[in-house]
Amino acid sequence: MLIPSANDAANVLAEHVAGSISGFADLMNEKAAEIGCKNSHFMNPSGVHDENHYTTAYDLSLIARYAMNIDTFRKIVTTTSYTLPSTDAYPKEDRTFTLSNSLLNPSFKNYYYEYATGIKTGYTNPSKDCLVASAKKDDVEFIIVVLGAGYIDGVLREKYIDCKTLFDFAFDNYTAYYKNLQQEKEKKLAELASAEAAQANSEENSTDYNFLRGLSKIIAVIAILLALLFIFRNCKKKKKNRYKFGGKKKPKHRK
């Protein structure tokens, strides 16, 4: 589906997952809303024109960013060709498909971009030539969306030229900016982790302190009880000895 941009494969996969194309479109709309898309509505998995099937460049960038965090998806959109294995129904291994994204194909010298990492081409008569592209350089990755493109001088495909120009501009002007943002983010995460560790340690120390404080109170109470018991026993013993050695008889208690 992704490598040669096959609409029939998209429909087959949609029916396999949801039972029908309309059912899968419902799943698409739910997922788009979950990702944060606010101006998109899908009627099919292939992009075939429908008045109620629409999106925006920004929403496509959100979908692309989400998809590029999936390792399998990222691997597929950088695969330049793929040969289907033989099956019982088709024993030959001659079904080789070539990636439709010319940014990743070195044989297209006018379009090839050495830092390209994906993502997906598209075309319909109303939307014209479209491309959601990504490129990574110096650990900074950008996503660019070009819609409604045509041809330059009737020969060069505008979407590839525009993407290359925009990527160069982004890497030249925003790499340092996004690296600083990333460093600030990592710093904040480290500070947050340190604060959480300190709080956990404080709570643990507080728990230990409260336990020891409670234990000391119990020991103090026991010590006081033992002291009182000792004093009581001594007093009783002295009183008894006073009658025994003092020449006095112990008074008899009346019944």
C-alpha atoms as a PDB file:
ATOM      1  CA  MET A   1       0.000   0.000   0.000  1.00  0.00           C
ATOM      2  CA  LEU A   2       2.655   2.534   1.041  1.00  0.00           C
ATOM      3  CA  ILE A   3       5.515   1.729  -1.336  1.00  0.00           C
ATOM      4  CA  PRO A   4       3.772   1.873  -4.754  1.00  0.00           C
ATOM      5  CA  SER A   5       0.805   3.923  -3.405  1.00  0.00           C
ATOM      6  CA  ALA A   6      -1.758   1.201  -4.127  1.00  0.00           C
ATOM      7  CA  ASN A   7      -5.402   2.168  -3.563  1.00  0.00           C
ATOM      8  CA  ASP A   8      -6.601  -1.418  -3.978  1.00  0.00           C
ATOM      9  CA  ALA A   9      -4.297  -2.551  -1.156  1.00  0.00           C
ATOM     10  CA  ALA A  10      -5.673   0.232   1.061  1.00  0.00           C
ATOM     11  CA  ASN A  11      -9.232  -0.966   0.440  1.00  0.00           C
ATOM     12  CA  VAL A  12      -8.340  -4.604   1.129  1.00  0.00           C
ATOM     13  CA  LEU A  13      -6.612  -3.722   4.385  1.00  0.00           C
ATOM     14  CA  ALA A  14      -9.549  -1.522   5.426  1.00  0.00           C
ATOM     15  CA  GLU A  15     -12.043  -4.345   4.900  1.00  0.00           C
ATOM     16  CA  HIS A  16      -9.759  -6.770   6.722  1.00  0.00           C
ATOM     17  CA  VAL A  17      -9.493  -4.501   9.776  1.00  0.00           C
ATOM     18  CA  ALA A  18     -13.010  -3.055  10.015  1.00  0.00           C
ATOM     19  CA  GLY A  19     -15.156  -5.285   7.794  1.00  0.00           C
ATOM     20  CA  SER A  20     -15.964  -2.473   5.367  1.00  0.00           C
ATOM     21  CA  ILE A  21     -14.522   0.691   3.879  1.00  0.00           C
ATOM     22  CA  SER A  22     -17.104   2.879   5.624  1.00  0.00           C
ATOM     23  CA  GLY A  23     -16.392   1.164   8.942  1.00  0.00           C
ATOM     24  CA  PHE A  24     -12.694   1.794   8.506  1.00  0.00           C
ATOM     25  CA  ALA A  25     -13.354   5.443   7.607  1.00  0.00           C
ATOM     26  CA  ASP A  26     -15.091   5.775  10.968  1.00  0.00           C
ATOM     27  CA  LEU A  27     -11.941   4.442  12.646  1.00  0.00           C
ATOM     28  CA  MET A  28      -9.875   6.939  10.647  1.00  0.00           C
ATOM     29  CA  ASN A  29     -11.988   9.848  11.846  1.00  0.00           C
ATOM     30  CA  GLU A  30     -11.802   8.682  15.457  1.00  0.00           C
ATOM     31  CA  LYS A  31      -8.018   8.355  15.274  1.00  0.00           C
ATOM     32  CA  ALA A  32      -7.603  11.718  13.552  1.00  0.00           C
ATOM     33  CA  ALA A  33      -9.587  13.402  16.321  1.00  0.00           C
ATOM     34  CA  GLU A  34      -7.510  11.595  18.946  1.00  0.00           C
ATOM     35  CA  ILE A  35      -4.288  12.867  17.338  1.00  0.00           C
ATOM     36  CA  GLY A  36      -5.604  16.434  17.376  1.00  0.00           C
ATOM     37  CA  CYS A  37      -6.917  16.975  13.823  1.00  0.00           C
ATOM     38  CA  LYS A  38      -9.719  19.557  13.810  1.00  0.00           C
ATOM     39  CA  ASN A  39     -10.310  20.132  10.086  1.00  0.00           C
ATOM     40  CA  SER A  40     -10.311  16.642   8.598  1.00  0.00           C
ATOM     41  CA  HIS A  41     -12.981  14.150   7.636  1.00  0.00           C
ATOM     42  CA  PHE A  42     -12.369  10.876   5.825  1.00  0.00           C
ATOM     43  CA  MET A  43     -14.699   8.792   3.684  1.00  0.00           C
ATOM     44  CA  ASN A  44     -12.264   6.127   2.448  1.00  0.00           C
ATOM     45  CA  PRO A  45      -8.714   4.829   3.082  1.00  0.00           C
ATOM     46  CA  SER A  46      -7.314   5.633  -0.373  1.00  0.00           C
ATOM     47  CA  GLY A  47      -7.986   9.358  -0.757  1.00  0.00           C
ATOM     48  CA  VAL A  48     -10.228   8.944  -3.793  1.00  0.00           C
ATOM     49  CA  HIS A  49     -12.177  12.189  -4.210  1.00  0.00           C
ATOM     50  CA  ASP A  50     -15.354  12.719  -2.207  1.00  0.00           C
ATOM     51  CA  GLU A  51     -16.970  16.029  -1.234  1.00  0.00           C
ATOM     52  CA  ASN A  52     -17.001  14.942   2.398  1.00  0.00           C
ATOM     53  CA  HIS A  53     -13.393  13.740   2.299  1.00  0.00           C
ATOM     54  CA  TYR A  54     -11.023  16.559   3.209  1.00  0.00           C
ATOM     55  CA  THR A  55      -8.062  17.607   5.353  1.00  0.00           C
ATOM     56  CA  THR A  56      -5.497  20.389   5.788  1.00  0.00           C
ATOM     57  CA  ALA A  57      -1.715  20.672   5.619  1.00  0.00           C
ATOM     58  CA  TYR A  58      -1.534  21.123   9.387  1.00  0.00           C
ATOM     59  CA  ASP A  59      -3.686  18.072  10.126  1.00  0.00           C
ATOM     60  CA  LEU A  60      -1.598  15.992   7.723  1.00  0.00           C
ATOM     61  CA  SER A  61       1.541  17.062   9.583  1.00  0.00           C
ATOM     62  CA  LEU A  62      -0.017  15.877  12.871  1.00  0.00           C
ATOM     63  CA  ILE A  63      -0.900  12.504  11.330  1.00  0.00           C
ATOM     64  CA  ALA A  64       2.581  12.190   9.804  1.00  0.00           C
ATOM     65  CA  ARG A  65       4.325  13.001  13.081  1.00  0.00           C
ATOM     66  CA  TYR A  66       2.216  10.407  14.886  1.00  0.00           C
ATOM     67  CA  ALA A  67       2.897   7.761  12.224  1.00  0.00           C
ATOM     68  CA  MET A  68       6.656   8.401  12.168  1.00  0.00           C
ATOM     69  CA  ASN A  69       6.811   7.414  15.841  1.00  0.00           C
ATOM     70  CA  ILE A  70       5.811   3.881  14.786  1.00  0.00           C
ATOM     71  CA  ASP A  71       8.980   1.965  13.906  1.00  0.00           C
ATOM     72  CA  THR A  72       7.310  -0.309  11.342  1.00  0.00           C
ATOM     73  CA  PHE A  73       5.771   2.637   9.504  1.00  0.00           C
ATOM     74  CA  ARG A  74       9.072   4.537   9.490  1.00  0.00           C
ATOM     75  CA  LYS A  75      10.865   1.503   8.065  1.00  0.00           C
ATOM     76  CA  ILE A  76       8.303   1.005   5.285  1.00  0.00           C
ATOM     77  CA  VAL A  77       8.318   4.627   4.093  1.00  0.00           C
ATOM     78  CA  THR A  78      12.101   4.509   3.645  1.00  0.00           C
ATOM     79  CA  THR A  79      12.043   1.216   1.723  1.00  0.00           C
ATOM     80  CA  THR A  80      12.781   2.059  -1.909  1.00  0.00           C
ATOM     81  CA  SER A  81      11.606  -1.262  -3.358  1.00  0.00           C
ATOM     82  CA  TYR A  82       9.951  -4.468  -2.279  1.00  0.00           C
ATOM     83  CA  THR A  83       9.370  -7.850  -3.934  1.00  0.00           C
ATOM     84  CA  LEU A  84       6.323  -9.857  -2.899  1.00  0.00           C
ATOM     85  CA  PRO A  85       7.180 -13.454  -2.000  1.00  0.00           C
ATOM     86  CA  SER A  86       5.702 -16.302  -4.020  1.00  0.00           C
ATOM     87  CA  THR A  87       2.419 -17.870  -2.930  1.00  0.00           C
ATOM     88  CA  ASP A  88       0.375 -20.945  -3.892  1.00  0.00           C
ATOM     89  CA  ALA A  89      -1.788 -18.695  -6.057  1.00  0.00           C
ATOM     90  CA  TYR A  90       1.208 -16.965  -7.653  1.00  0.00           C
ATOM     91  CA  PRO A  91       4.444 -19.022  -7.566  1.00  0.00           C
ATOM     92  CA  LYS A  92       6.690 -16.426  -9.235  1.00  0.00           C
ATOM     93  CA  GLU A  93       8.741 -13.757  -7.453  1.00  0.00           C
ATOM     94  CA  ASP A  94       8.520 -11.057 -10.090  1.00  0.00           C
ATOM     95  CA  ARG A  95       6.163  -8.649  -8.350  1.00  0.00           C
ATOM     96  CA  THR A  96       8.593  -5.903  -7.399  1.00  0.00           C
ATOM     97  CA  PHE A  97       7.287  -2.491  -6.422  1.00  0.00           C
ATOM     98  CA  THR A  98       9.225   0.772  -6.383  1.00  0.00           C
ATOM     99  CA  LEU A  99       8.710   3.562  -3.850  1.00  0.00           C
ATOM    100  CA  SER A 100       6.633   6.422  -5.263  1.00  0.00           C
ATOM    101  CA  ASN A 101       8.491   9.081  -3.244  1.00  0.00           C
ATOM    102  CA  SER A 102      11.294  10.327  -5.519  1.00  0.00           C
ATOM    103  CA  LEU A 103      12.981  12.212  -2.662  1.00  0.00           C
ATOM    104  CA  LEU A 104      14.436   8.858  -1.599  1.00  0.00           C
ATOM    105  CA  ASN A 105      15.397   7.600  -5.050  1.00  0.00           C
ATOM    106  CA  PRO A 106      18.987   8.539  -6.096  1.00  0.00           C
ATOM    107  CA  SER A 107      18.188   7.808  -9.733  1.00  0.00           C
ATOM    108  CA  PHE A 108      15.986  10.941  -9.788  1.00  0.00           C
ATOM    109  CA  LYS A 109      18.785  13.498  -9.568  1.00  0.00           C
ATOM    110  CA  ASN A 110      16.467  16.512  -9.675  1.00  0.00           C
ATOM    111  CA  TYR A 111      14.333  15.222  -6.825  1.00  0.00           C
ATOM    112  CA  TYR A 112      16.616  13.111  -4.623  1.00  0.00           C
ATOM    113  CA  TYR A 113      17.293  14.567  -1.160  1.00  0.00           C
ATOM    114  CA  GLU A 114      20.019  12.853   0.850  1.00  0.00           C
ATOM    115  CA  TYR A 115      18.408  13.588   4.235  1.00  0.00           C
ATOM    116  CA  ALA A 116      14.909  12.397   3.281  1.00  0.00           C
ATOM    117  CA  THR A 117      13.236   9.880   5.619  1.00  0.00           C
ATOM    118  CA  GLY A 118       9.754   9.606   4.046  1.00  0.00           C
ATOM    119  CA  ILE A 119       6.802   9.845   3.849  1.00  0.00           C
ATOM    120  CA  LYS A 120       3.939   9.617   1.312  1.00  0.00           C
ATOM    121  CA  THR A 121       2.892  10.893  -2.095  1.00  0.00           C
ATOM    122  CA  GLY A 122      -0.660  11.509  -3.319  1.00  0.00           C
ATOM    123  CA  TYR A 123      -2.587  12.716  -6.331  1.00  0.00           C
ATOM    124  CA  THR A 124      -6.192  13.304  -7.391  1.00  0.00           C
ATOM    125  CA  ASN A 125      -7.500  15.655 -10.061  1.00  0.00           C
ATOM    126  CA  PRO A 126      -9.045  18.102  -7.534  1.00  0.00           C
ATOM    127  CA  SER A 127      -6.127  18.050  -5.057  1.00  0.00           C
ATOM    128  CA  LYS A 128      -3.393  17.810  -7.710  1.00  0.00           C
ATOM    129  CA  ASP A 129       0.126  16.663  -6.788  1.00  0.00           C
ATOM    130  CA  CYS A 130       0.630  16.269  -3.012  1.00  0.00           C
ATOM    131  CA  LEU A 131       3.465  15.164  -0.770  1.00  0.00           C
ATOM    132  CA  VAL A 132       3.953  14.734   2.964  1.00  0.00           C
ATOM    133  CA  ALA A 133       7.728  14.587   3.348  1.00  0.00           C
ATOM    134  CA  SER A 134      10.233  14.244   6.174  1.00  0.00           C
ATOM    135  CA  ALA A 135      13.987  14.723   6.421  1.00  0.00           C
ATOM    136  CA  LYS A 136      16.508  14.391   9.238  1.00  0.00           C
ATOM    137  CA  LYS A 137      19.869  16.096   9.661  1.00  0.00           C
ATOM    138  CA  ASP A 138      22.047  16.634  12.750  1.00  0.00           C
ATOM    139  CA  ASP A 139      19.439  14.851  14.913  1.00  0.00           C
ATOM    140  CA  VAL A 140      16.715  17.317  13.902  1.00  0.00           C
ATOM    141  CA  GLU A 141      13.801  16.068  11.779  1.00  0.00           C
ATOM    142  CA  PHE A 142      11.297  18.230   9.914  1.00  0.00           C
ATOM    143  CA  ILE A 143       7.967  17.377   8.288  1.00  0.00           C
ATOM    144  CA  ILE A 144       6.783  19.358   5.273  1.00  0.00           C
ATOM    145  CA  VAL A 145       3.379  19.161   3.580  1.00  0.00           C
ATOM    146  CA  VAL A 146       2.930  20.365  -0.023  1.00  0.00           C
ATOM    147  CA  LEU A 147      -0.577  20.338  -1.525  1.00  0.00           C
ATOM    148  CA  GLY A 148      -1.984  21.353  -4.906  1.00  0.00           C
ATOM    149  CA  ALA A 149       1.363  21.277  -6.692  1.00  0.00           C
ATOM    150  CA  GLY A 150       1.889  21.260 -10.435  1.00  0.00           C
ATOM    151  CA  TYR A 151       4.905  21.385 -12.753  1.00  0.00           C
ATOM    152  CA  ILE A 152       7.771  23.849 -13.179  1.00  0.00           C
ATOM    153  CA  ASP A 153       8.203  24.774 -16.843  1.00  0.00           C
ATOM    154  CA  GLY A 154       5.910  21.857 -17.605  1.00  0.00           C
ATOM    155  CA  VAL A 155       8.687  19.400 -16.756  1.00  0.00           C
ATOM    156  CA  LEU A 156       9.831  19.346 -13.116  1.00  0.00           C
ATOM    157  CA  ARG A 157       7.366  18.180 -10.468  1.00  0.00           C
ATOM    158  CA  GLU A 158       6.844  21.113  -8.165  1.00  0.00           C
ATOM    159  CA  LYS A 159       6.205  19.186  -4.958  1.00  0.00           C
ATOM    160  CA  TYR A 160       9.709  17.674  -4.841  1.00  0.00           C
ATOM    161  CA  ILE A 161      11.476  20.926  -5.684  1.00  0.00           C
ATOM    162  CA  ASP A 162       9.414  22.817  -3.079  1.00  0.00           C
ATOM    163  CA  CYS A 163      10.143  20.216  -0.405  1.00  0.00           C
ATOM    164  CA  LYS A 164      13.882  20.324  -1.050  1.00  0.00           C
ATOM    165  CA  THR A 165      13.866  24.135  -0.908  1.00  0.00           C
ATOM    166  CA  LEU A 166      11.855  24.173   2.321  1.00  0.00           C
ATOM    167  CA  PHE A 167      14.026  21.509   3.951  1.00  0.00           C
ATOM    168  CA  ASP A 168      17.211  23.442   3.145  1.00  0.00           C
ATOM    169  CA  PHE A 169      15.674  26.588   4.591  1.00  0.00           C
ATOM    170  CA  ALA A 170      14.542  24.763   7.738  1.00  0.00           C
ATOM    171  CA  PHE A 171      17.901  23.113   8.367  1.00  0.00           C
ATOM    172  CA  ASP A 172      19.789  26.379   7.736  1.00  0.00           C
ATOM    173  CA  ASN A 173      17.588  28.527   9.949  1.00  0.00           C
ATOM    174  CA  TYR A 174      15.885  26.369  12.580  1.00  0.00           C
ATOM    175  CA  THR A 175      18.254  23.516  13.473  1.00  0.00           C
ATOM    176  CA  ALA A 176      19.915  25.461  16.303  1.00  0.00           C
ATOM    177  CA  TYR A 177      16.515  26.701  17.503  1.00  0.00           C
ATOM    178  CA  TYR A 178      15.058  23.200  17.793  1.00  0.00           C
ATOM    179  CA  LYS A 179      18.224  21.817  19.325  1.00  0.00           C
ATOM    180  CA  ASN A 180      17.961  24.469  22.033  1.00  0.00           C
ATOM    181  CA  LEU A 181      14.315  23.533  22.555  1.00  0.00           C
ATOM    182  CA  GLN A 182      15.297  19.880  22.868  1.00  0.00           C
ATOM    183  CA  GLN A 183      18.057  20.717  25.344  1.00  0.00           C
ATOM    184  CA  GLU A 184      15.646  22.814  27.405  1.00  0.00           C
ATOM    185  CA  LYS A 185      13.127  19.983  27.318  1.00  0.00           C
ATOM    186  CA  GLU A 186      15.742  17.458  28.458  1.00  0.00           C
ATOM    187  CA  LYS A 187      16.870  19.862  31.197  1.00  0.00           C
ATOM    188  CA  LYS A 188      13.305  20.313  32.451  1.00  0.00           C
ATOM    189  CA  LEU A 189      12.733  16.561  32.400  1.00  0.00           C
ATOM    190  CA  ALA A 190      15.957  16.047  34.378  1.00  0.00           C
ATOM    191  CA  GLU A 191      14.915  18.724  36.900  1.00  0.00           C
ATOM    192  CA  LEU A 192      11.476  17.146  37.205  1.00  0.00           C
ATOM    193  CA  ALA A 193      13.000  13.703  37.755  1.00  0.00           C
ATOM    194  CA  SER A 194      15.364  15.151  40.363  1.00  0.00           C
ATOM    195  CA  ALA A 195      12.493  16.928  42.128  1.00  0.00           C
ATOM    196  CA  GLU A 196      10.408  13.756  42.176  1.00  0.00           C
ATOM    197  CA  ALA A 197      13.354  11.783  43.563  1.00  0.00           C
ATOM    198  CA  ALA A 198      13.934  14.429  46.242  1.00  0.00           C
ATOM    199  CA  GLN A 199      10.257  14.392  47.188  1.00  0.00           C
ATOM    200  CA  ALA A 200      10.242  10.603  47.365  1.00  0.00           C
ATOM    201  CA  ASN A 201      13.382  10.710  49.520  1.00  0.00           C
ATOM    202  CA  SER A 202      11.822  13.386  51.737  1.00  0.00           C
ATOM    203  CA  GLU A 203       8.664  11.325  52.149  1.00  0.00           C
ATOM    204  CA  GLU A 204      10.759   8.273  52.983  1.00  0.00           C
ATOM    205  CA  ASN A 205      12.803  10.234  55.533  1.00  0.00           C
ATOM    206  CA  SER A 206       9.603  11.711  56.943  1.00  0.00           C
ATOM    207  CA  THR A 207       8.159   8.240  57.292  1.00  0.00           C
ATOM    208  CA  ASP A 208      11.320   7.033  59.045  1.00  0.00           C
ATOM    209  CA  TYR A 209      11.294  10.115  61.298  1.00  0.00           C
ATOM    210  CA  ASN A 210       7.638   9.647  62.215  1.00  0.00           C
ATOM    211  CA  PHE A 211       8.273   5.975  62.927  1.00  0.00           C
ATOM    212  CA  LEU A 212      11.244   6.742  65.179  1.00  0.00           C
ATOM    213  CA  ARG A 213       9.331   9.541  66.895  1.00  0.00           C
ATOM    214  CA  GLY A 214       6.407   7.218  67.558  1.00  0.00           C
ATOM    215  CA  LEU A 215       8.769   4.505  68.761  1.00  0.00           C
ATOM    216  CA  SER A 216      10.534   6.925  71.130  1.00  0.00           C
ATOM    217  CA  LYS A 217       7.173   7.935  72.615  1.00  0.00           C
ATOM    218  CA  ILE A 218       6.288   4.303  73.252  1.00  0.00           C
ATOM    219  CA  ILE A 219       9.692   3.702  74.864  1.00  0.00           C
ATOM    220  CA  ALA A 220       9.256   6.819  77.019  1.00  0.00           C
ATOM    221  CA  VAL A 221       5.839   5.653  78.218  1.00  0.00           C
ATOM    222  CA  ILE A 222       7.226   2.200  79.022  1.00  0.00           C
ATOM    223  CA  ALA A 223      10.136   3.790  80.899  1.00  0.00           C
ATOM    224  CA  ILE A 224       7.748   5.940  82.945  1.00  0.00           C
ATOM    225  CA  LEU A 225       5.579   2.916  83.780  1.00  0.00           C
ATOM    226  CA  LEU A 226       8.624   0.921  84.817  1.00  0.00           C
ATOM    227  CA  ALA A 227       9.869   3.835  86.959  1.00  0.00           C
ATOM    228  CA  LEU A 228       6.475   4.169  88.658  1.00  0.00           C
ATOM    229  CA  LEU A 229       6.329   0.434  89.226  1.00  0.00           C
ATOM    230  CA  PHE A 230       9.838   0.490  90.718  1.00  0.00           C
ATOM    231  CA  ILE A 231       8.924   3.396  93.026  1.00  0.00           C
ATOM    232  CA  PHE A 232       5.693   1.709  94.067  1.00  0.00           C
ATOM    233  CA  ARG A 233       7.461  -1.549  94.867  1.00  0.00           C
ATOM    234  CA  ASN A 234      10.177   0.257  96.865  1.00  0.00           C
ATOM    235  CA  CYS A 235       7.619   2.216  98.854  1.00  0.00           C
ATOM    236  CA  LYS A 236       5.689  -0.928  99.658  1.00  0.00           C
ATOM    237  CA  LYS A 237       8.875  -2.714 100.650  1.00  0.00           C
ATOM    238  CA  LYS A 238      10.016   0.136 102.947  1.00  0.00           C
ATOM    239  CA  LYS A 239       6.624   0.280 104.625  1.00  0.00           C
ATOM    240  CA  LYS A 240       6.759  -3.419 105.284  1.00  0.00           C
ATOM    241  CA  ASN A 241      10.285  -3.215 106.735  1.00  0.00           C
ATOM    242  CA  ARG A 242       9.290  -0.289 108.993  1.00  0.00           C
ATOM    243  CA  TYR A 243       6.795  -2.464 110.815  1.00  0.00           C
ATOM    244  CA  LYS A 244       9.207  -5.367 110.926  1.00  0.00           C
ATOM    245  CA  PHE A 245      12.256  -3.549 112.306  1.00  0.00           C
ATOM    246  CA  GLY A 246      10.788  -0.442 113.931  1.00  0.00           C
ATOM    247  CA  GLY A 247       9.239  -2.134 116.940  1.00  0.00           C
ATOM    248  CA  LYS A 248       5.802  -1.361 115.884  1.00  0.00           C
ATOM    249  CA  LYS A 249       3.176  -3.834 115.137  1.00  0.00           C
ATOM    250  CA  LYS A 250       1.434  -3.693 111.894  1.00  0.00           C
ATOM    251  CA  PRO A 251      -2.045  -2.408 112.568  1.00  0.00           C
ATOM    252  CA  LYS A 252      -4.808  -4.816 111.925  1.00  0.00           C
ATOM    253  CA  HIS A 253      -7.340  -3.755 109.427  1.00  0.00           C
ATOM    254  CA  ARG A 254     -10.876  -3.967 110.420  1.00  0.00           C
ATOM    255  CA  LYS A 255     -13.015  -6.255 108.452  1.00  0.00           C
END
